[in-house]
Protein backbone atom coordinates (compact mmCIF):
# COMPACT_ATOMS: atom_id res chain seq x y z
CA MET A 1 -19.22 -45.94 83.22
CA ILE A 2 -22.44 -44.36 84.51
CA SER A 3 -21.93 -40.87 85.89
CA GLN A 4 -23.02 -39.82 89.35
CA GLU A 5 -25.54 -37.42 87.82
CA ALA A 6 -27.15 -40.24 85.80
CA MET A 7 -27.39 -42.47 88.88
CA VAL A 8 -29.01 -39.66 90.87
CA ALA A 9 -31.53 -39.10 88.05
CA ALA A 10 -32.31 -42.83 87.89
CA LEU A 11 -32.86 -42.93 91.65
CA ILE A 12 -35.17 -39.91 91.44
CA PHE A 13 -37.21 -41.61 88.70
CA VAL A 14 -37.59 -44.75 90.83
CA LEU A 15 -38.59 -42.75 93.91
CA LEU A 16 -41.15 -40.61 92.10
CA GLY A 17 -42.63 -43.52 90.17
CA ALA A 18 -42.82 -45.67 93.30
CA ALA A 19 -44.44 -42.88 95.30
CA ALA A 20 -47.14 -42.32 92.69
CA LEU A 21 -47.87 -46.00 92.04
CA CYS A 22 -47.86 -46.97 95.72
CA SER A 23 -50.31 -44.18 96.50
CA LEU A 24 -52.45 -45.30 93.56
CA LEU A 25 -52.50 -48.94 94.64
CA LEU A 26 -52.86 -48.42 98.38
CA TYR A 27 -55.75 -45.96 98.26
CA ASP A 28 -58.48 -48.62 98.22
CA ARG A 29 -56.85 -50.42 101.15
CA LEU A 30 -57.01 -47.40 103.42
CA PRO A 31 -59.79 -47.26 106.02
CA ARG A 32 -62.98 -45.58 104.83
CA ARG A 33 -62.37 -42.51 107.00
CA TYR A 34 -59.45 -41.58 104.71
CA HIS A 35 -61.71 -41.53 101.65
CA HIS A 36 -63.56 -38.37 102.63
CA GLU A 37 -63.56 -35.47 100.19
CA GLU A 38 -62.17 -33.18 102.90
CA THR A 39 -59.08 -35.39 103.22
CA GLY A 40 -58.47 -35.21 99.47
CA SER A 41 -58.89 -31.43 99.53
CA VAL A 42 -56.25 -31.04 102.26
CA VAL A 43 -53.85 -33.33 100.40
CA ARG A 44 -54.27 -31.26 97.22
CA LEU A 45 -53.74 -27.98 99.11
CA VAL A 46 -50.51 -29.22 100.70
CA SER A 47 -49.39 -30.62 97.34
CA ASN A 48 -49.98 -27.25 95.66
CA LEU A 49 -47.83 -25.59 98.32
CA PHE A 50 -44.92 -27.94 97.59
CA VAL A 51 -45.45 -27.56 93.82
CA MET A 52 -44.85 -23.81 94.11
CA MET A 53 -41.84 -24.24 96.40
CA THR A 54 -40.34 -26.91 94.16
CA SER A 55 -40.81 -24.75 91.06
CA LEU A 56 -39.01 -21.87 92.77
CA VAL A 57 -36.13 -24.03 93.99
CA LEU A 58 -35.69 -25.75 90.62
CA GLY A 59 -35.51 -22.31 89.02
CA LEU A 60 -32.75 -21.35 91.46
CA MET A 61 -30.89 -24.59 90.69
CA VAL A 62 -31.08 -23.91 86.96
CA ASN A 63 -29.75 -20.39 87.49
CA SER A 64 -26.89 -21.63 89.71
CA ALA A 65 -25.87 -24.32 87.22
CA LYS A 66 -26.11 -21.86 84.34
CA ASN A 67 -23.88 -19.34 86.15
CA THR A 68 -21.29 -22.03 86.90
CA PHE A 69 -21.26 -23.22 83.30
CA GLU A 70 -20.93 -19.69 81.90
CA ALA A 71 -18.14 -18.80 84.35
CA VAL A 72 -16.13 -21.89 83.39
CA ASP A 73 -16.73 -21.30 79.68
CA HIS A 74 -15.57 -17.68 80.06
CA ASN A 75 -12.42 -18.72 81.92
CA VAL A 76 -11.57 -21.34 79.28
CA HIS A 77 -11.73 -18.62 76.62
CA VAL A 78 -9.62 -16.29 78.78
CA ILE A 79 -6.93 -18.86 79.51
CA ALA A 80 -6.72 -19.79 75.82
CA THR A 81 -6.25 -16.11 74.99
CA GLU A 82 -3.55 -15.77 77.65
CA ILE A 83 -1.71 -18.78 76.22
CA ILE A 84 -1.74 -17.23 72.74
CA LEU A 85 -0.46 -13.89 74.08
CA LEU A 86 2.27 -15.58 76.15
CA ASP A 87 3.40 -17.57 73.11
CA ARG A 88 3.62 -14.41 71.00
CA THR A 89 5.57 -12.61 73.73
CA LEU A 90 8.05 -15.48 73.89
CA ARG A 91 8.26 -15.47 70.10
CA GLN A 92 9.31 -11.80 70.23
CA TYR A 93 11.95 -12.67 72.83
CA GLY A 94 13.87 -14.62 70.24
CA PRO A 95 15.67 -17.98 70.37
CA MET A 96 16.01 -17.85 74.17
CA GLY A 97 12.22 -18.10 74.43
CA ASP A 98 11.99 -21.28 72.34
CA GLU A 99 12.31 -23.62 75.30
CA SER A 100 9.47 -21.93 77.16
CA ARG A 101 7.37 -21.99 73.99
CA GLN A 102 7.96 -25.73 73.61
CA HIS A 103 6.83 -26.38 77.19
CA LEU A 104 3.79 -24.13 76.71
CA ARG A 105 2.83 -25.94 73.52
CA ALA A 106 3.30 -29.32 75.19
CA TYR A 107 1.06 -28.23 78.06
CA THR A 108 -1.66 -26.95 75.71
CA GLU A 109 -1.52 -30.08 73.60
CA TRP A 110 -1.84 -32.25 76.69
CA ALA A 111 -4.79 -30.19 77.95
CA VAL A 112 -6.58 -30.73 74.63
CA THR A 113 -5.79 -34.38 73.92
CA ALA A 114 -5.29 -36.08 77.29
CA THR A 115 -8.16 -37.90 78.98
CA ALA A 116 -8.73 -36.29 82.36
CA PRO A 117 -10.95 -37.46 85.22
CA ALA A 118 -14.03 -35.34 85.75
CA ALA A 119 -12.88 -34.28 89.21
CA ASP A 120 -9.54 -33.03 87.87
CA PRO A 121 -10.42 -31.62 84.45
CA LEU A 122 -9.03 -30.03 81.31
CA LEU A 123 -6.16 -27.93 82.61
CA VAL A 124 -4.92 -30.31 85.30
CA GLY A 125 -5.86 -33.80 84.14
CA ASP A 126 -3.14 -35.61 86.03
CA ARG A 127 0.16 -34.53 87.53
CA ALA A 128 1.87 -34.76 84.14
CA SER A 129 -0.11 -31.74 82.95
CA GLU A 130 0.79 -29.80 86.06
CA ARG A 131 4.47 -30.58 85.58
CA LEU A 132 4.29 -29.34 81.99
CA LEU A 133 2.93 -25.99 83.12
CA LEU A 134 5.48 -25.72 85.93
CA ALA A 135 8.20 -26.36 83.35
CA VAL A 136 7.09 -23.19 81.57
CA GLY A 137 7.69 -21.17 84.72
CA THR A 138 11.03 -22.86 85.37
CA SER A 139 12.27 -22.11 81.86
CA LEU A 140 11.10 -18.50 82.16
CA GLY A 141 13.11 -18.16 85.37
CA GLY A 142 16.26 -19.30 83.57
CA MET A 143 16.06 -16.77 80.74
CA ARG A 144 18.75 -14.07 80.53
CA LEU A 145 17.81 -10.39 80.38
CA ASN A 146 20.26 -8.91 77.87
CA ASP A 147 18.76 -5.43 77.62
CA ASP A 148 15.77 -3.30 78.60
CA GLU A 149 13.66 -4.59 75.70
CA HIS A 150 14.21 -8.20 76.73
CA ALA A 151 13.56 -7.29 80.37
CA ALA A 152 10.19 -5.75 79.44
CA LEU A 153 9.24 -8.83 77.42
CA TRP A 154 10.32 -11.11 80.26
CA HIS A 155 8.20 -9.26 82.82
CA SER A 156 5.24 -9.37 80.46
CA ALA A 157 5.74 -13.12 79.97
CA ARG A 158 5.95 -13.71 83.73
CA GLU A 159 2.70 -11.81 84.30
CA GLY A 160 0.96 -13.81 81.58
CA TYR A 161 2.25 -17.07 83.03
CA GLN A 162 1.04 -16.19 86.54
CA HIS A 163 -2.37 -15.32 85.14
CA ILE A 164 -2.57 -18.72 83.40
CA VAL A 165 -1.74 -20.50 86.65
CA GLU A 166 -4.41 -18.52 88.52
CA LEU A 167 -7.03 -19.28 85.88
CA ARG A 168 -6.20 -22.97 85.93
CA TRP A 169 -6.84 -23.24 89.65
CA ALA A 170 -10.00 -21.16 89.31
CA LEU A 171 -11.26 -23.69 86.75
CA VAL A 172 -10.42 -26.57 89.06
CA GLU A 173 -12.48 -25.01 91.84
CA GLN A 174 -15.39 -24.20 89.52
CA ALA A 175 -15.46 -27.69 88.00
CA GLU A 176 -16.71 -29.31 91.21
CA GLY A 177 -20.26 -27.97 90.98
CA THR A 178 -22.23 -25.69 93.29
CA ILE A 179 -25.47 -27.59 94.04
CA PRO A 180 -25.25 -29.22 97.51
CA MET A 181 -26.58 -32.77 97.81
CA PRO A 182 -28.63 -32.02 100.99
CA PHE A 183 -30.37 -29.25 99.07
CA LEU A 184 -31.14 -31.64 96.22
CA ALA A 185 -32.37 -34.29 98.68
CA MET A 186 -34.85 -31.80 100.12
CA VAL A 187 -36.22 -31.04 96.64
CA VAL A 188 -36.53 -34.76 95.88
CA ALA A 189 -38.45 -35.27 99.14
CA TRP A 190 -40.90 -32.55 98.08
CA LEU A 191 -41.29 -34.18 94.67
CA VAL A 192 -41.94 -37.59 96.25
CA PHE A 193 -44.79 -36.09 98.29
CA ILE A 194 -46.17 -34.33 95.20
CA PHE A 195 -46.18 -37.54 93.15
CA ALA A 196 -47.72 -39.46 96.02
CA SER A 197 -50.55 -36.90 96.06
CA PHE A 198 -50.97 -37.36 92.30
CA GLY A 199 -51.64 -41.05 92.82
CA TYR A 200 -54.02 -40.45 95.71
CA ARG A 201 -57.64 -41.09 94.56
CA SER A 202 -56.56 -41.38 90.91
CA PRO A 203 -58.31 -44.00 88.75
CA ARG A 204 -56.36 -47.15 87.96
CA ASN A 205 -55.88 -47.29 84.22
CA VAL A 206 -53.10 -47.33 81.66
CA VAL A 207 -53.40 -43.62 80.85
CA VAL A 208 -52.98 -42.56 84.48
CA VAL A 209 -50.07 -44.94 85.13
CA GLY A 210 -48.35 -43.95 81.89
CA SER A 211 -48.80 -40.24 82.63
CA LEU A 212 -47.34 -40.62 86.12
CA LEU A 213 -44.32 -42.59 84.90
CA LEU A 214 -43.74 -40.22 81.99
CA SER A 215 -43.88 -37.23 84.33
CA ALA A 216 -41.44 -38.92 86.72
CA GLY A 217 -39.07 -39.57 83.82
CA LEU A 218 -39.24 -35.99 82.57
CA ILE A 219 -38.64 -34.57 86.04
CA ALA A 220 -35.71 -36.93 86.59
CA GLY A 221 -34.31 -36.00 83.17
CA SER A 222 -34.61 -32.29 83.94
CA ILE A 223 -32.73 -32.69 87.23
CA TYR A 224 -30.08 -34.74 85.42
CA LEU A 225 -29.51 -31.91 82.93
CA ILE A 226 -29.29 -29.38 85.78
CA LEU A 227 -26.71 -31.48 87.63
CA ASP A 228 -24.83 -32.20 84.41
CA MET A 229 -24.61 -28.50 83.52
CA ASP A 230 -23.32 -27.84 87.05
CA VAL A 231 -20.28 -30.05 86.26
CA PRO A 232 -19.07 -28.43 83.02
CA PHE A 233 -16.28 -30.87 82.10
CA SER A 234 -18.30 -34.11 81.99
CA GLY A 235 -21.62 -35.48 80.80
CA LEU A 236 -23.84 -34.38 77.92
CA ILE A 237 -23.44 -30.63 78.47
CA GLN A 238 -19.75 -29.78 78.43
CA VAL A 239 -17.63 -26.70 77.93
CA GLU A 240 -16.13 -26.94 74.46
CA ASP A 241 -12.36 -27.18 74.08
CA THR A 242 -12.44 -25.15 70.83
CA PRO A 243 -10.62 -22.15 72.41
CA MET A 244 -7.76 -24.41 73.53
CA ARG A 245 -7.56 -26.07 70.10
CA ARG A 246 -7.46 -22.64 68.51
CA ALA A 247 -4.65 -21.64 70.85
CA LEU A 248 -2.75 -24.79 69.91
CA ALA A 249 -3.15 -23.97 66.23
CA GLU A 250 -1.90 -20.41 66.80
CA MET A 251 1.23 -21.77 68.50
CA ALA A 252 2.30 -23.77 65.45
CA PRO A 253 5.88 -22.94 64.35
């Protein structure tokens, strides 16, 4: 199934290529008054203005996507660490903590192996994953506090569990991406004008056409990578699940 980011990139390539080629082909059909050197100079000046603005905005988009990706990657490492610490706390609790450990391991295994939709990723997947994590909290609530040592361990386990729940929902919110579509549409409109200006008064030959199409493809590919990095749980650039796999290995009996 083609991702939304890939379809957007393909649409951008078509728009940019069409803008450049249409401008290239229609130039000779324009009235002679549009062929003046002054007209070409104004078109180039306006194009240069949009080139600078587009460069700035694309830089901001790269930075936004990078920050989102790094935040999600950091939280995945943190939640994996919290799972390991919670498992070790329950291990210290003794046999009464075995049920909670089994639920925690089942949840971690599901988070690693289950196929989750991109909009509901990694730590939620579907409602089955959520029920597995809720089962950890339910089993913690049913544990008996025999003495002060067990009470301290129980409170520590409850704090770790609450932190895991908070991190999971933080990851869900971060997984949706931060680049608004209207903002992207504005950038694409600028690029369409820029490519149309490239085709204006350009000679008709294979080198020019190939250069324009290659440039359109590279720009579309760059925007695809930006959008893909902004959605860290799908596409070519994904947050690795190595921390969760490591946590699962640490929880082995």
